[in-house]
Amino acid sequence: MYPILSDPTKETARAYGVLSPGGFASRWTFYIGADGRILDIDKKVSASSHGRDVVARLKELVRGSGF
């Protein structure tokens, strides 16, 4: 299972630097390792393929980590 963050207060968007001056968060996906380090950032999120894109990237990250 992979946790997904909901950010109704926009606190996390501010912390990650993705909150626009208009108050909307950029639709970026951050892949964060078990140790808390950011492993990758997807800045080109497409609503129509994002689920498949996330699964593919997670597989790549796991394969590259030696698990």
C-alpha atoms as a PDB file:
ATOM      1  CA  MET A   1       0.000   0.000   0.000  1.00  0.00           C
ATOM      2  CA  TYR A   2       1.180   3.519  -0.778  1.00  0.00           C
ATOM      3  CA  PRO A   3      -0.136   6.391   1.340  1.00  0.00           C
ATOM      4  CA  ILE A   4      -1.528   9.406  -0.486  1.00  0.00           C
ATOM      5  CA  LEU A   5      -1.660  12.846   1.115  1.00  0.00           C
ATOM      6  CA  SER A   6      -4.703  15.101   1.314  1.00  0.00           C
ATOM      7  CA  ASP A   7      -3.791  18.725   2.070  1.00  0.00           C
ATOM      8  CA  PRO A   8      -6.925  20.786   2.839  1.00  0.00           C
ATOM      9  CA  THR A   9      -4.958  23.439   4.778  1.00  0.00           C
ATOM     10  CA  LYS A  10      -2.323  23.764   2.002  1.00  0.00           C
ATOM     11  CA  GLU A  11       0.406  23.523   4.643  1.00  0.00           C
ATOM     12  CA  THR A  12       2.213  20.738   2.776  1.00  0.00           C
ATOM     13  CA  ALA A  13       1.895  22.511  -0.591  1.00  0.00           C
ATOM     14  CA  ARG A  14       3.562  25.560   0.956  1.00  0.00           C
ATOM     15  CA  ALA A  15       6.325  23.420   2.504  1.00  0.00           C
ATOM     16  CA  TYR A  16       7.070  21.715  -0.838  1.00  0.00           C
ATOM     17  CA  GLY A  17       7.006  24.990  -2.767  1.00  0.00           C
ATOM     18  CA  VAL A  18       4.134  24.101  -5.076  1.00  0.00           C
ATOM     19  CA  LEU A  19       1.520  26.625  -3.922  1.00  0.00           C
ATOM     20  CA  SER A  20       0.865  29.277  -6.546  1.00  0.00           C
ATOM     21  CA  PRO A  21       0.256  32.952  -5.668  1.00  0.00           C
ATOM     22  CA  GLY A  22      -3.404  32.313  -6.505  1.00  0.00           C
ATOM     23  CA  GLY A  23      -3.618  29.701  -3.730  1.00  0.00           C
ATOM     24  CA  PHE A  24      -3.746  26.595  -5.914  1.00  0.00           C
ATOM     25  CA  ALA A  25      -1.249  23.748  -5.639  1.00  0.00           C
ATOM     26  CA  SER A  26       0.580  22.523  -8.717  1.00  0.00           C
ATOM     27  CA  ARG A  27      -0.398  18.946  -9.534  1.00  0.00           C
ATOM     28  CA  TRP A  28       3.002  17.399  -8.911  1.00  0.00           C
ATOM     29  CA  THR A  29       3.553  13.928  -7.511  1.00  0.00           C
ATOM     30  CA  PHE A  30       6.357  13.442  -4.998  1.00  0.00           C
ATOM     31  CA  TYR A  31       7.705   9.920  -4.523  1.00  0.00           C
ATOM     32  CA  ILE A  32       9.047   9.707  -0.984  1.00  0.00           C
ATOM     33  CA  GLY A  33      11.142   6.788   0.270  1.00  0.00           C
ATOM     34  CA  ALA A  34      10.671   4.977   3.567  1.00  0.00           C
ATOM     35  CA  ASP A  35      13.522   7.077   4.965  1.00  0.00           C
ATOM     36  CA  GLY A  36      11.655  10.310   4.167  1.00  0.00           C
ATOM     37  CA  ARG A  37      13.886  11.358   1.247  1.00  0.00           C
ATOM     38  CA  ILE A  38      12.308  12.536  -1.997  1.00  0.00           C
ATOM     39  CA  LEU A  39      13.165   9.920  -4.631  1.00  0.00           C
ATOM     40  CA  ASP A  40      11.517  11.599  -7.613  1.00  0.00           C
ATOM     41  CA  ILE A  41       9.100  14.364  -8.588  1.00  0.00           C
ATOM     42  CA  ASP A  42       6.633  14.083 -11.472  1.00  0.00           C
ATOM     43  CA  LYS A  43       5.911  17.618 -12.672  1.00  0.00           C
ATOM     44  CA  LYS A  44       3.959  16.545 -15.767  1.00  0.00           C
ATOM     45  CA  VAL A  45       0.844  14.986 -14.281  1.00  0.00           C
ATOM     46  CA  SER A  46      -1.849  13.935 -16.745  1.00  0.00           C
ATOM     47  CA  ALA A  47      -5.238  13.185 -15.196  1.00  0.00           C
ATOM     48  CA  SER A  48      -6.064  10.601 -17.875  1.00  0.00           C
ATOM     49  CA  SER A  49      -2.971   8.459 -17.274  1.00  0.00           C
ATOM     50  CA  HIS A  50      -1.743   9.408 -13.811  1.00  0.00           C
ATOM     51  CA  GLY A  51      -2.744   6.170 -12.087  1.00  0.00           C
ATOM     52  CA  ARG A  52      -0.847   4.093 -14.655  1.00  0.00           C
ATOM     53  CA  ASP A  53       2.078   6.541 -14.560  1.00  0.00           C
ATOM     54  CA  VAL A  54       2.358   6.259 -10.763  1.00  0.00           C
ATOM     55  CA  VAL A  55       2.304   2.448 -10.861  1.00  0.00           C
ATOM     56  CA  ALA A  56       4.985   2.382 -13.572  1.00  0.00           C
ATOM     57  CA  ARG A  57       7.226   4.837 -11.715  1.00  0.00           C
ATOM     58  CA  LEU A  58       6.862   2.974  -8.414  1.00  0.00           C
ATOM     59  CA  LYS A  59       7.897  -0.248 -10.165  1.00  0.00           C
ATOM     60  CA  GLU A  60      10.954   1.516 -11.581  1.00  0.00           C
ATOM     61  CA  LEU A  61      11.906   2.954  -8.196  1.00  0.00           C
ATOM     62  CA  VAL A  62      11.538  -0.408  -6.453  1.00  0.00           C
ATOM     63  CA  ARG A  63      13.517  -2.194  -9.186  1.00  0.00           C
ATOM     64  CA  GLY A  64      16.295   0.413  -8.953  1.00  0.00           C
ATOM     65  CA  SER A  65      16.496   0.146  -5.181  1.00  0.00           C
ATOM     66  CA  GLY A  66      17.468  -3.523  -5.138  1.00  0.00           C
ATOM     67  CA  PHE A  67      14.332  -4.745  -3.305  1.00  0.00           C
END
